[in-house]
């Protein structure tokens, strides 16, 4: 078990080094930060002084080592657009993005797994066909189209829910949350459904296909031959084995929800990290872009490590293989 975890941690470190290198390369390939920080009337001497103060006149490898050292301590420099520390900007936006991603993930799991099980157990019912048709829409339509339709129906036509913003928030220590206010909860509904619609349909279709395959396996036939009830066979045996691959996909989707909340946050003007990143791209705010890439890479590494450990705990074959490799 310890060797398994250490291997995953070493792989994660390698991944983060690659992500850090790509993020650092933005400083050299996405504009010149000096031109963004000095006034137009600045002389060449002023530009050279600013370049020396930022350390941009040093060799590339020394700049990269300095960048890694600062990144380890959470220091990504100053935002060129806002003139504030990037770490402080991200700390302000992280709660909004995490609450949106967490709510979208809960929607995807609580609706996707039961819908997939039902459509597998009753594939010929009208409700199963309706859910499969809806899942095709979720897989085919991009997020911003779904978000615009939801805004049109529930915000413009019906006027039930707000179309932008996060609503009222409450500061609980370092964490700002809208989950404890009525306007915050109402503001969360549309973006959470928009962001969670694709993973919901993906989880539903995956559970359905895996459930159908498991129900055709020999051990399920033997379980029925022993006289077990349908409930025991379907939920005690089939569903348990169906969830093994679902865990992996769900973990990857959770990282994807956080990383790709950019479009949803842009559509609903949700004040999260994705909206901050879009604004940074428009301004070529390289420190914010680099910090966002490193943070998303770290989130993926942590989630993948957690999924691997959960997969290791759920699937006994991995434990047997690890024990046999000793």
C-alpha atoms as a PDB file:
ATOM      1  CA  UNK A   1       0.000   0.000   0.000  1.00  0.00           C
ATOM      2  CA  UNK A   2       2.779   2.442   0.945  1.00  0.00           C
ATOM      3  CA  UNK A   3       4.717   1.632  -2.236  1.00  0.00           C
ATOM      4  CA  UNK A   4       1.539   2.179  -4.269  1.00  0.00           C
ATOM      5  CA  UNK A   5       0.993   5.618  -2.697  1.00  0.00           C
ATOM      6  CA  UNK A   6       4.647   6.606  -3.125  1.00  0.00           C
ATOM      7  CA  UNK A   7       4.564   5.709  -6.821  1.00  0.00           C
ATOM      8  CA  UNK A   8       1.473   7.846  -7.315  1.00  0.00           C
ATOM      9  CA  UNK A   9       3.037  10.759  -5.412  1.00  0.00           C
ATOM     10  CA  UNK A  10       6.202  10.602  -7.524  1.00  0.00           C
ATOM     11  CA  UNK A  11       4.108  10.540 -10.686  1.00  0.00           C
ATOM     12  CA  UNK A  12       2.181  13.546  -9.383  1.00  0.00           C
ATOM     13  CA  UNK A  13       5.419  15.454  -8.738  1.00  0.00           C
ATOM     14  CA  UNK A  14       6.550  14.806 -12.317  1.00  0.00           C
ATOM     15  CA  UNK A  15       3.209  16.008 -13.641  1.00  0.00           C
ATOM     16  CA  UNK A  16       3.390  19.181 -11.557  1.00  0.00           C
ATOM     17  CA  UNK A  17       6.919  19.885 -12.826  1.00  0.00           C
ATOM     18  CA  UNK A  18       5.671  19.631 -16.408  1.00  0.00           C
ATOM     19  CA  UNK A  19       2.667  21.842 -15.647  1.00  0.00           C
ATOM     20  CA  UNK A  20       4.936  24.339 -13.903  1.00  0.00           C
ATOM     21  CA  UNK A  21       7.241  24.442 -16.926  1.00  0.00           C
ATOM     22  CA  UNK A  22       4.310  25.059 -19.269  1.00  0.00           C
ATOM     23  CA  UNK A  23       2.935  27.766 -16.986  1.00  0.00           C
ATOM     24  CA  UNK A  24       6.345  29.430 -16.710  1.00  0.00           C
ATOM     25  CA  UNK A  25       6.750  29.342 -20.488  1.00  0.00           C
ATOM     26  CA  UNK A  26       3.774  31.695 -20.736  1.00  0.00           C
ATOM     27  CA  UNK A  27       6.041  34.463 -19.498  1.00  0.00           C
ATOM     28  CA  UNK A  28       8.162  34.072 -22.619  1.00  0.00           C
ATOM     29  CA  UNK A  29       5.500  33.355 -25.233  1.00  0.00           C
ATOM     30  CA  UNK A  30       2.455  35.429 -24.192  1.00  0.00           C
ATOM     31  CA  UNK A  31       3.547  39.020 -24.537  1.00  0.00           C
ATOM     32  CA  UNK A  32       6.055  41.043 -22.581  1.00  0.00           C
ATOM     33  CA  UNK A  33       4.996  41.770 -18.983  1.00  0.00           C
ATOM     34  CA  UNK A  34       7.266  44.822 -18.875  1.00  0.00           C
ATOM     35  CA  UNK A  35       5.271  46.535 -21.609  1.00  0.00           C
ATOM     36  CA  UNK A  36       2.127  46.032 -19.530  1.00  0.00           C
ATOM     37  CA  UNK A  37       3.634  47.476 -16.358  1.00  0.00           C
ATOM     38  CA  UNK A  38       5.425  50.617 -17.567  1.00  0.00           C
ATOM     39  CA  UNK A  39       3.683  53.693 -19.009  1.00  0.00           C
ATOM     40  CA  UNK A  40       3.876  54.318 -22.775  1.00  0.00           C
ATOM     41  CA  UNK A  41       6.254  57.262 -22.280  1.00  0.00           C
ATOM     42  CA  UNK A  42       8.806  55.107 -20.391  1.00  0.00           C
ATOM     43  CA  UNK A  43      12.340  55.164 -21.724  1.00  0.00           C
ATOM     44  CA  UNK A  44      14.424  52.135 -22.589  1.00  0.00           C
ATOM     45  CA  UNK A  45      16.342  52.633 -19.362  1.00  0.00           C
ATOM     46  CA  UNK A  46      13.090  52.462 -17.401  1.00  0.00           C
ATOM     47  CA  UNK A  47      12.165  49.263 -19.204  1.00  0.00           C
ATOM     48  CA  UNK A  48      15.583  47.740 -18.516  1.00  0.00           C
ATOM     49  CA  UNK A  49      15.301  48.679 -14.834  1.00  0.00           C
ATOM     50  CA  UNK A  50      11.856  47.071 -14.597  1.00  0.00           C
ATOM     51  CA  UNK A  51      13.154  43.959 -16.387  1.00  0.00           C
ATOM     52  CA  UNK A  52      16.044  43.726 -13.915  1.00  0.00           C
ATOM     53  CA  UNK A  53      13.707  44.206 -10.936  1.00  0.00           C
ATOM     54  CA  UNK A  54      11.502  41.337 -12.179  1.00  0.00           C
ATOM     55  CA  UNK A  55      14.546  39.149 -12.812  1.00  0.00           C
ATOM     56  CA  UNK A  56      13.747  38.791 -16.515  1.00  0.00           C
ATOM     57  CA  UNK A  57      17.335  39.552 -17.519  1.00  0.00           C
ATOM     58  CA  UNK A  58      18.601  36.344 -15.928  1.00  0.00           C
ATOM     59  CA  UNK A  59      19.062  33.023 -17.789  1.00  0.00           C
ATOM     60  CA  UNK A  60      15.936  30.981 -18.501  1.00  0.00           C
ATOM     61  CA  UNK A  61      16.811  28.089 -16.165  1.00  0.00           C
ATOM     62  CA  UNK A  62      17.479  30.411 -13.223  1.00  0.00           C
ATOM     63  CA  UNK A  63      14.136  32.123 -13.785  1.00  0.00           C
ATOM     64  CA  UNK A  64      12.423  28.716 -13.871  1.00  0.00           C
ATOM     65  CA  UNK A  65      14.062  27.582 -10.621  1.00  0.00           C
ATOM     66  CA  UNK A  66      13.014  30.841  -8.944  1.00  0.00           C
ATOM     67  CA  UNK A  67       9.478  30.407 -10.287  1.00  0.00           C
ATOM     68  CA  UNK A  68       9.266  26.874  -8.867  1.00  0.00           C
ATOM     69  CA  UNK A  69      10.554  27.999  -5.477  1.00  0.00           C
ATOM     70  CA  UNK A  70       8.034  30.815  -5.297  1.00  0.00           C
ATOM     71  CA  UNK A  71       5.217  28.559  -6.539  1.00  0.00           C
ATOM     72  CA  UNK A  72       5.918  26.016  -3.789  1.00  0.00           C
ATOM     73  CA  UNK A  73       5.377  28.815  -1.267  1.00  0.00           C
ATOM     74  CA  UNK A  74       2.214  29.981  -3.057  1.00  0.00           C
ATOM     75  CA  UNK A  75       3.830  33.138  -4.433  1.00  0.00           C
ATOM     76  CA  UNK A  76       2.952  33.758  -8.087  1.00  0.00           C
ATOM     77  CA  UNK A  77       3.778  37.438  -8.200  1.00  0.00           C
ATOM     78  CA  UNK A  78       1.565  40.464  -8.803  1.00  0.00           C
ATOM     79  CA  UNK A  79      -1.371  40.614 -11.191  1.00  0.00           C
ATOM     80  CA  UNK A  80      -0.527  42.894 -14.093  1.00  0.00           C
ATOM     81  CA  UNK A  81      -4.178  43.890 -14.475  1.00  0.00           C
ATOM     82  CA  UNK A  82      -5.186  44.491 -10.852  1.00  0.00           C
ATOM     83  CA  UNK A  83      -1.831  45.165  -9.181  1.00  0.00           C
ATOM     84  CA  UNK A  84      -2.594  42.736  -6.327  1.00  0.00           C
ATOM     85  CA  UNK A  85      -0.891  39.482  -5.254  1.00  0.00           C
ATOM     86  CA  UNK A  86      -2.130  36.617  -7.399  1.00  0.00           C
ATOM     87  CA  UNK A  87      -2.414  34.287  -4.412  1.00  0.00           C
ATOM     88  CA  UNK A  88      -4.828  36.726  -2.739  1.00  0.00           C
ATOM     89  CA  UNK A  89      -6.936  36.972  -5.910  1.00  0.00           C
ATOM     90  CA  UNK A  90      -7.182  33.188  -6.185  1.00  0.00           C
ATOM     91  CA  UNK A  91      -8.003  32.822  -2.481  1.00  0.00           C
ATOM     92  CA  UNK A  92     -10.961  35.163  -2.997  1.00  0.00           C
ATOM     93  CA  UNK A  93     -12.234  33.211  -6.023  1.00  0.00           C
ATOM     94  CA  UNK A  94     -11.640  29.627  -4.874  1.00  0.00           C
ATOM     95  CA  UNK A  95     -14.770  29.384  -2.637  1.00  0.00           C
ATOM     96  CA  UNK A  96     -17.097  30.400  -5.476  1.00  0.00           C
ATOM     97  CA  UNK A  97     -15.627  27.880  -7.925  1.00  0.00           C
ATOM     98  CA  UNK A  98     -15.469  25.041  -5.395  1.00  0.00           C
ATOM     99  CA  UNK A  99     -19.061  25.550  -4.250  1.00  0.00           C
ATOM    100  CA  UNK A 100     -20.258  25.601  -7.865  1.00  0.00           C
ATOM    101  CA  UNK A 101     -18.231  22.503  -8.774  1.00  0.00           C
ATOM    102  CA  UNK A 102     -19.273  20.629  -5.623  1.00  0.00           C
ATOM    103  CA  UNK A 103     -22.962  21.345  -6.204  1.00  0.00           C
ATOM    104  CA  UNK A 104     -22.700  20.328  -9.865  1.00  0.00           C
ATOM    105  CA  UNK A 105     -20.971  17.076  -8.852  1.00  0.00           C
ATOM    106  CA  UNK A 106     -23.673  16.286  -6.295  1.00  0.00           C
ATOM    107  CA  UNK A 107     -26.359  16.874  -8.932  1.00  0.00           C
ATOM    108  CA  UNK A 108     -24.535  14.631 -11.398  1.00  0.00           C
ATOM    109  CA  UNK A 109     -24.109  11.756  -8.913  1.00  0.00           C
ATOM    110  CA  UNK A 110     -27.481  11.912  -7.138  1.00  0.00           C
ATOM    111  CA  UNK A 111     -29.370  11.980 -10.444  1.00  0.00           C
ATOM    112  CA  UNK A 112     -26.986  10.172 -12.780  1.00  0.00           C
ATOM    113  CA  UNK A 113     -26.506   6.924 -10.825  1.00  0.00           C
ATOM    114  CA  UNK A 114     -30.223   6.246 -10.097  1.00  0.00           C
ATOM    115  CA  UNK A 115     -31.144   7.197 -13.673  1.00  0.00           C
ATOM    116  CA  UNK A 116     -28.504   4.826 -15.068  1.00  0.00           C
ATOM    117  CA  UNK A 117     -29.656   1.964 -12.829  1.00  0.00           C
ATOM    118  CA  UNK A 118     -33.315   2.502 -13.758  1.00  0.00           C
ATOM    119  CA  UNK A 119     -32.610   2.676 -17.499  1.00  0.00           C
ATOM    120  CA  UNK A 120     -30.598  -0.566 -17.234  1.00  0.00           C
ATOM    121  CA  UNK A 121     -33.213  -2.462 -15.244  1.00  0.00           C
ATOM    122  CA  UNK A 122     -36.125  -1.208 -17.374  1.00  0.00           C
ATOM    123  CA  UNK A 123     -34.596  -0.447 -20.772  1.00  0.00           C
ATOM    124  CA  UNK A 124     -37.896  -0.608 -22.678  1.00  0.00           C
ATOM    125  CA  UNK A 125     -39.912   1.796 -20.519  1.00  0.00           C
ATOM    126  CA  UNK A 126     -40.895   5.221 -21.850  1.00  0.00           C
ATOM    127  CA  UNK A 127     -39.035   6.915 -18.985  1.00  0.00           C
ATOM    128  CA  UNK A 128     -35.781   5.132 -19.901  1.00  0.00           C
ATOM    129  CA  UNK A 129     -36.154   6.215 -23.521  1.00  0.00           C
ATOM    130  CA  UNK A 130     -36.859   9.786 -22.426  1.00  0.00           C
ATOM    131  CA  UNK A 131     -33.756   9.810 -20.203  1.00  0.00           C
ATOM    132  CA  UNK A 132     -31.581   8.431 -23.011  1.00  0.00           C
ATOM    133  CA  UNK A 133     -32.882  11.105 -25.364  1.00  0.00           C
ATOM    134  CA  UNK A 134     -32.134  13.771 -22.762  1.00  0.00           C
ATOM    135  CA  UNK A 135     -28.661  12.319 -22.243  1.00  0.00           C
ATOM    136  CA  UNK A 136     -27.944  12.689 -25.959  1.00  0.00           C
ATOM    137  CA  UNK A 137     -28.762  16.372 -25.635  1.00  0.00           C
ATOM    138  CA  UNK A 138     -26.434  16.663 -22.644  1.00  0.00           C
ATOM    139  CA  UNK A 139     -23.569  15.005 -24.495  1.00  0.00           C
ATOM    140  CA  UNK A 140     -24.115  16.934 -27.724  1.00  0.00           C
ATOM    141  CA  UNK A 141     -24.919  20.482 -26.601  1.00  0.00           C
ATOM    142  CA  UNK A 142     -22.123  22.722 -25.257  1.00  0.00           C
ATOM    143  CA  UNK A 143     -22.460  24.183 -21.788  1.00  0.00           C
ATOM    144  CA  UNK A 144     -23.013  27.755 -22.876  1.00  0.00           C
ATOM    145  CA  UNK A 145     -26.013  26.775 -25.021  1.00  0.00           C
ATOM    146  CA  UNK A 146     -27.605  24.961 -22.070  1.00  0.00           C
ATOM    147  CA  UNK A 147     -26.884  27.930 -19.823  1.00  0.00           C
ATOM    148  CA  UNK A 148     -28.419  30.417 -22.257  1.00  0.00           C
ATOM    149  CA  UNK A 149     -31.566  28.282 -22.579  1.00  0.00           C
ATOM    150  CA  UNK A 150     -31.889  28.039 -18.802  1.00  0.00           C
ATOM    151  CA  UNK A 151     -31.461  31.798 -18.453  1.00  0.00           C
ATOM    152  CA  UNK A 152     -34.073  32.394 -21.144  1.00  0.00           C
ATOM    153  CA  UNK A 153     -36.639  30.099 -19.510  1.00  0.00           C
ATOM    154  CA  UNK A 154     -36.127  30.550 -15.770  1.00  0.00           C
ATOM    155  CA  UNK A 155     -34.721  34.087 -15.595  1.00  0.00           C
ATOM    156  CA  UNK A 156     -36.281  35.931 -18.541  1.00  0.00           C
ATOM    157  CA  UNK A 157     -39.627  34.214 -19.188  1.00  0.00           C
ATOM    158  CA  UNK A 158     -40.530  32.956 -15.710  1.00  0.00           C
ATOM    159  CA  UNK A 159     -38.421  35.319 -13.617  1.00  0.00           C
ATOM    160  CA  UNK A 160     -37.875  32.684 -10.946  1.00  0.00           C
ATOM    161  CA  UNK A 161     -34.077  32.724 -10.710  1.00  0.00           C
ATOM    162  CA  UNK A 162     -31.305  35.299 -11.222  1.00  0.00           C
ATOM    163  CA  UNK A 163     -29.320  35.167 -14.435  1.00  0.00           C
ATOM    164  CA  UNK A 164     -25.933  36.328 -13.130  1.00  0.00           C
ATOM    165  CA  UNK A 165     -23.866  36.851 -10.004  1.00  0.00           C
ATOM    166  CA  UNK A 166     -23.487  34.869  -6.820  1.00  0.00           C
ATOM    167  CA  UNK A 167     -26.091  36.535  -4.628  1.00  0.00           C
ATOM    168  CA  UNK A 168     -25.471  37.480  -0.995  1.00  0.00           C
ATOM    169  CA  UNK A 169     -22.511  35.759   0.657  1.00  0.00           C
ATOM    170  CA  UNK A 170     -21.469  35.263   4.275  1.00  0.00           C
ATOM    171  CA  UNK A 171     -17.859  35.226   5.447  1.00  0.00           C
ATOM    172  CA  UNK A 172     -17.120  32.159   7.582  1.00  0.00           C
ATOM    173  CA  UNK A 173     -13.501  32.617   8.558  1.00  0.00           C
ATOM    174  CA  UNK A 174     -11.462  32.654   5.356  1.00  0.00           C
ATOM    175  CA  UNK A 175     -14.315  31.066   3.340  1.00  0.00           C
ATOM    176  CA  UNK A 176     -17.040  33.137   1.719  1.00  0.00           C
ATOM    177  CA  UNK A 177     -20.193  31.126   1.058  1.00  0.00           C
ATOM    178  CA  UNK A 178     -23.572  31.742  -0.502  1.00  0.00           C
ATOM    179  CA  UNK A 179     -25.007  28.426   0.654  1.00  0.00           C
ATOM    180  CA  UNK A 180     -26.522  29.944   3.795  1.00  0.00           C
ATOM    181  CA  UNK A 181     -28.437  32.788   2.144  1.00  0.00           C
ATOM    182  CA  UNK A 182     -31.626  32.609   0.087  1.00  0.00           C
ATOM    183  CA  UNK A 183     -30.281  34.759  -2.750  1.00  0.00           C
ATOM    184  CA  UNK A 184     -27.032  32.755  -2.792  1.00  0.00           C
ATOM    185  CA  UNK A 185     -28.896  29.469  -3.138  1.00  0.00           C
ATOM    186  CA  UNK A 186     -31.136  30.868  -5.886  1.00  0.00           C
ATOM    187  CA  UNK A 187     -28.119  32.214  -7.769  1.00  0.00           C
ATOM    188  CA  UNK A 188     -26.426  28.808  -7.552  1.00  0.00           C
ATOM    189  CA  UNK A 189     -29.240  26.791  -9.167  1.00  0.00           C
ATOM    190  CA  UNK A 190     -28.843  27.670 -12.857  1.00  0.00           C
ATOM    191  CA  UNK A 191     -25.016  27.584 -13.079  1.00  0.00           C
ATOM    192  CA  UNK A 192     -24.863  24.332 -11.074  1.00  0.00           C
ATOM    193  CA  UNK A 193     -27.386  22.627 -13.382  1.00  0.00           C
ATOM    194  CA  UNK A 194     -25.547  23.950 -16.439  1.00  0.00           C
ATOM    195  CA  UNK A 195     -22.171  22.735 -15.214  1.00  0.00           C
ATOM    196  CA  UNK A 196     -23.486  19.405 -13.929  1.00  0.00           C
ATOM    197  CA  UNK A 197     -25.633  18.494 -16.949  1.00  0.00           C
ATOM    198  CA  UNK A 198     -22.843  16.942 -19.037  1.00  0.00           C
ATOM    199  CA  UNK A 199     -21.302  14.832 -16.217  1.00  0.00           C
ATOM    200  CA  UNK A 200     -24.841  13.806 -15.195  1.00  0.00           C
ATOM    201  CA  UNK A 201     -25.573  12.386 -18.633  1.00  0.00           C
ATOM    202  CA  UNK A 202     -22.113  10.820 -18.812  1.00  0.00           C
ATOM    203  CA  UNK A 203     -22.523   9.091 -15.438  1.00  0.00           C
ATOM    204  CA  UNK A 204     -26.019   7.925 -16.387  1.00  0.00           C
ATOM    205  CA  UNK A 205     -24.906   6.379 -19.685  1.00  0.00           C
ATOM    206  CA  UNK A 206     -21.816   4.819 -18.092  1.00  0.00           C
ATOM    207  CA  UNK A 207     -23.813   3.271 -15.227  1.00  0.00           C
ATOM    208  CA  UNK A 208     -26.405   1.987 -17.688  1.00  0.00           C
ATOM    209  CA  UNK A 209     -23.869   0.337 -20.011  1.00  0.00           C
ATOM    210  CA  UNK A 210     -21.829  -1.144 -17.138  1.00  0.00           C
ATOM    211  CA  UNK A 211     -24.991  -2.365 -15.388  1.00  0.00           C
ATOM    212  CA  UNK A 212     -26.255  -4.082 -18.546  1.00  0.00           C
ATOM    213  CA  UNK A 213     -22.883  -5.771 -19.021  1.00  0.00           C
ATOM    214  CA  UNK A 214     -22.724  -6.936 -15.394  1.00  0.00           C
ATOM    215  CA  UNK A 215     -26.290  -8.275 -15.482  1.00  0.00           C
ATOM    216  CA  UNK A 216     -25.269 -10.557 -18.374  1.00  0.00           C
ATOM    217  CA  UNK A 217     -22.281 -12.007 -16.513  1.00  0.00           C
ATOM    218  CA  UNK A 218     -22.146 -15.571 -15.228  1.00  0.00           C
ATOM    219  CA  UNK A 219     -21.985 -14.808 -11.514  1.00  0.00           C
ATOM    220  CA  UNK A 220     -25.255 -12.869 -11.771  1.00  0.00           C
ATOM    221  CA  UNK A 221     -26.859 -15.919 -13.388  1.00  0.00           C
ATOM    222  CA  UNK A 222     -25.502 -18.097 -10.577  1.00  0.00           C
ATOM    223  CA  UNK A 223     -26.849 -15.635  -7.988  1.00  0.00           C
ATOM    224  CA  UNK A 224     -30.313 -15.834  -9.550  1.00  0.00           C
ATOM    225  CA  UNK A 225     -30.040 -19.640  -9.690  1.00  0.00           C
ATOM    226  CA  UNK A 226     -29.372 -19.663  -5.934  1.00  0.00           C
ATOM    227  CA  UNK A 227     -32.755 -18.023  -5.445  1.00  0.00           C
ATOM    228  CA  UNK A 228     -31.624 -14.537  -4.445  1.00  0.00           C
ATOM    229  CA  UNK A 229     -34.206 -11.798  -4.810  1.00  0.00           C
ATOM    230  CA  UNK A 230     -34.018  -9.271  -7.620  1.00  0.00           C
ATOM    231  CA  UNK A 231     -33.187  -6.527  -5.116  1.00  0.00           C
ATOM    232  CA  UNK A 232     -30.240  -8.522  -3.736  1.00  0.00           C
ATOM    233  CA  UNK A 233     -28.964  -9.372  -7.214  1.00  0.00           C
ATOM    234  CA  UNK A 234     -29.413  -5.922  -8.743  1.00  0.00           C
ATOM    235  CA  UNK A 235     -28.171  -3.784  -5.849  1.00  0.00           C
ATOM    236  CA  UNK A 236     -26.070  -6.160  -3.765  1.00  0.00           C
ATOM    237  CA  UNK A 237     -24.090  -7.671  -6.634  1.00  0.00           C
ATOM    238  CA  UNK A 238     -24.612  -5.883  -9.947  1.00  0.00           C
ATOM    239  CA  UNK A 239     -24.572  -2.264  -8.764  1.00  0.00           C
ATOM    240  CA  UNK A 240     -21.589  -2.807  -6.477  1.00  0.00           C
ATOM    241  CA  UNK A 241     -19.465  -4.073  -9.363  1.00  0.00           C
ATOM    242  CA  UNK A 242     -20.834  -1.438 -11.700  1.00  0.00           C
ATOM    243  CA  UNK A 243     -19.542   1.367  -9.487  1.00  0.00           C
ATOM    244  CA  UNK A 244     -15.897   0.296  -9.769  1.00  0.00           C
ATOM    245  CA  UNK A 245     -15.255   1.942 -13.179  1.00  0.00           C
ATOM    246  CA  UNK A 246     -17.713   4.718 -12.338  1.00  0.00           C
ATOM    247  CA  UNK A 247     -15.427   5.839  -9.503  1.00  0.00           C
ATOM    248  CA  UNK A 248     -12.592   6.534 -11.939  1.00  0.00           C
ATOM    249  CA  UNK A 249     -14.733   8.438 -14.410  1.00  0.00           C
ATOM    250  CA  UNK A 250     -16.424  10.402 -11.638  1.00  0.00           C
ATOM    251  CA  UNK A 251     -13.074  11.443 -10.174  1.00  0.00           C
ATOM    252  CA  UNK A 252     -11.813  12.630 -13.540  1.00  0.00           C
ATOM    253  CA  UNK A 253     -15.081  14.446 -14.146  1.00  0.00           C
ATOM    254  CA  UNK A 254     -14.770  16.233 -10.797  1.00  0.00           C
ATOM    255  CA  UNK A 255     -11.410  17.622 -11.851  1.00  0.00           C
ATOM    256  CA  UNK A 256     -12.881  18.493 -15.234  1.00  0.00           C
ATOM    257  CA  UNK A 257     -15.806  20.293 -13.616  1.00  0.00           C
ATOM    258  CA  UNK A 258     -13.407  22.514 -11.663  1.00  0.00           C
ATOM    259  CA  UNK A 259     -11.094  23.086 -14.618  1.00  0.00           C
ATOM    260  CA  UNK A 260     -13.766  23.656 -17.239  1.00  0.00           C
ATOM    261  CA  UNK A 261     -16.120  25.788 -15.172  1.00  0.00           C
ATOM    262  CA  UNK A 262     -14.662  28.673 -17.174  1.00  0.00           C
ATOM    263  CA  UNK A 263     -17.486  28.805 -19.722  1.00  0.00           C
ATOM    264  CA  UNK A 264     -20.244  28.474 -17.132  1.00  0.00           C
ATOM    265  CA  UNK A 265     -18.722  31.184 -14.973  1.00  0.00           C
ATOM    266  CA  UNK A 266     -18.445  33.439 -18.009  1.00  0.00           C
ATOM    267  CA  UNK A 267     -22.085  32.879 -19.019  1.00  0.00           C
ATOM    268  CA  UNK A 268     -23.453  33.538 -15.529  1.00  0.00           C
ATOM    269  CA  UNK A 269     -20.750  36.040 -14.492  1.00  0.00           C
ATOM    270  CA  UNK A 270     -20.014  33.762 -11.557  1.00  0.00           C
ATOM    271  CA  UNK A 271     -17.111  35.339  -9.596  1.00  0.00           C
ATOM    272  CA  UNK A 272     -14.875  32.263  -9.550  1.00  0.00           C
ATOM    273  CA  UNK A 273     -11.421  31.302 -10.761  1.00  0.00           C
ATOM    274  CA  UNK A 274     -12.659  30.597 -14.291  1.00  0.00           C
ATOM    275  CA  UNK A 275     -13.963  34.127 -14.762  1.00  0.00           C
ATOM    276  CA  UNK A 276     -10.704  35.485 -13.343  1.00  0.00           C
ATOM    277  CA  UNK A 277      -8.764  33.367 -15.847  1.00  0.00           C
ATOM    278  CA  UNK A 278     -10.864  34.603 -18.802  1.00  0.00           C
ATOM    279  CA  UNK A 279     -10.238  38.192 -17.759  1.00  0.00           C
ATOM    280  CA  UNK A 280      -6.526  37.436 -17.400  1.00  0.00           C
ATOM    281  CA  UNK A 281      -6.378  35.972 -20.912  1.00  0.00           C
ATOM    282  CA  UNK A 282      -8.042  39.077 -22.359  1.00  0.00           C
ATOM    283  CA  UNK A 283      -5.433  41.284 -20.654  1.00  0.00           C
ATOM    284  CA  UNK A 284      -2.488  38.868 -21.085  1.00  0.00           C
ATOM    285  CA  UNK A 285      -2.148  38.810 -17.285  1.00  0.00           C
ATOM    286  CA  UNK A 286       0.497  36.068 -17.295  1.00  0.00           C
ATOM    287  CA  UNK A 287       0.986  35.644 -13.497  1.00  0.00           C
ATOM    288  CA  UNK A 288      -2.726  34.920 -13.029  1.00  0.00           C
ATOM    289  CA  UNK A 289      -2.756  32.534 -15.999  1.00  0.00           C
ATOM    290  CA  UNK A 290       0.304  30.673 -14.710  1.00  0.00           C
ATOM    291  CA  UNK A 291      -1.107  30.399 -11.182  1.00  0.00           C
ATOM    292  CA  UNK A 292      -4.434  29.120 -12.498  1.00  0.00           C
ATOM    293  CA  UNK A 293      -2.734  26.413 -14.576  1.00  0.00           C
ATOM    294  CA  UNK A 294      -0.614  25.281 -11.620  1.00  0.00           C
ATOM    295  CA  UNK A 295      -3.610  25.216  -9.276  1.00  0.00           C
ATOM    296  CA  UNK A 296      -5.743  23.223 -11.722  1.00  0.00           C
ATOM    297  CA  UNK A 297      -2.854  20.814 -12.288  1.00  0.00           C
ATOM    298  CA  UNK A 298      -2.511  20.325  -8.525  1.00  0.00           C
ATOM    299  CA  UNK A 299      -6.264  19.702  -8.201  1.00  0.00           C
ATOM    300  CA  UNK A 300      -6.124  17.032 -10.910  1.00  0.00           C
ATOM    301  CA  UNK A 301      -3.131  15.353  -9.269  1.00  0.00           C
ATOM    302  CA  UNK A 302      -4.802  15.285  -5.840  1.00  0.00           C
ATOM    303  CA  UNK A 303      -8.108  14.019  -7.243  1.00  0.00           C
ATOM    304  CA  UNK A 304      -6.394  11.312  -9.280  1.00  0.00           C
ATOM    305  CA  UNK A 305      -4.457  10.200  -6.205  1.00  0.00           C
ATOM    306  CA  UNK A 306      -7.679  10.040  -4.190  1.00  0.00           C
ATOM    307  CA  UNK A 307      -9.409   8.085  -6.983  1.00  0.00           C
ATOM    308  CA  UNK A 308      -6.496   5.634  -7.188  1.00  0.00           C
ATOM    309  CA  UNK A 309      -6.652   5.043  -3.438  1.00  0.00           C
ATOM    310  CA  UNK A 310     -10.430   4.599  -3.537  1.00  0.00           C
ATOM    311  CA  UNK A 311     -10.110   2.272  -6.518  1.00  0.00           C
ATOM    312  CA  UNK A 312      -7.456   0.344  -4.600  1.00  0.00           C
ATOM    313  CA  UNK A 313      -9.809   0.015  -1.633  1.00  0.00           C
ATOM    314  CA  UNK A 314     -12.837  -1.026  -3.710  1.00  0.00           C
ATOM    315  CA  UNK A 315     -11.240  -3.416  -6.207  1.00  0.00           C
ATOM    316  CA  UNK A 316      -9.634  -6.416  -4.447  1.00  0.00           C
ATOM    317  CA  UNK A 317      -7.780  -7.388  -7.640  1.00  0.00           C
ATOM    318  CA  UNK A 318      -5.434  -4.427  -7.229  1.00  0.00           C
ATOM    319  CA  UNK A 319      -4.573  -5.490  -3.689  1.00  0.00           C
ATOM    320  CA  UNK A 320      -3.848  -9.023  -4.891  1.00  0.00           C
ATOM    321  CA  UNK A 321      -1.647  -7.734  -7.733  1.00  0.00           C
ATOM    322  CA  UNK A 322       0.255  -5.446  -5.360  1.00  0.00           C
ATOM    323  CA  UNK A 323       0.774  -8.244  -2.852  1.00  0.00           C
ATOM    324  CA  UNK A 324       1.955 -10.590  -5.627  1.00  0.00           C
ATOM    325  CA  UNK A 325       4.475  -8.038  -6.882  1.00  0.00           C
ATOM    326  CA  UNK A 326       6.292  -7.932  -3.555  1.00  0.00           C
END
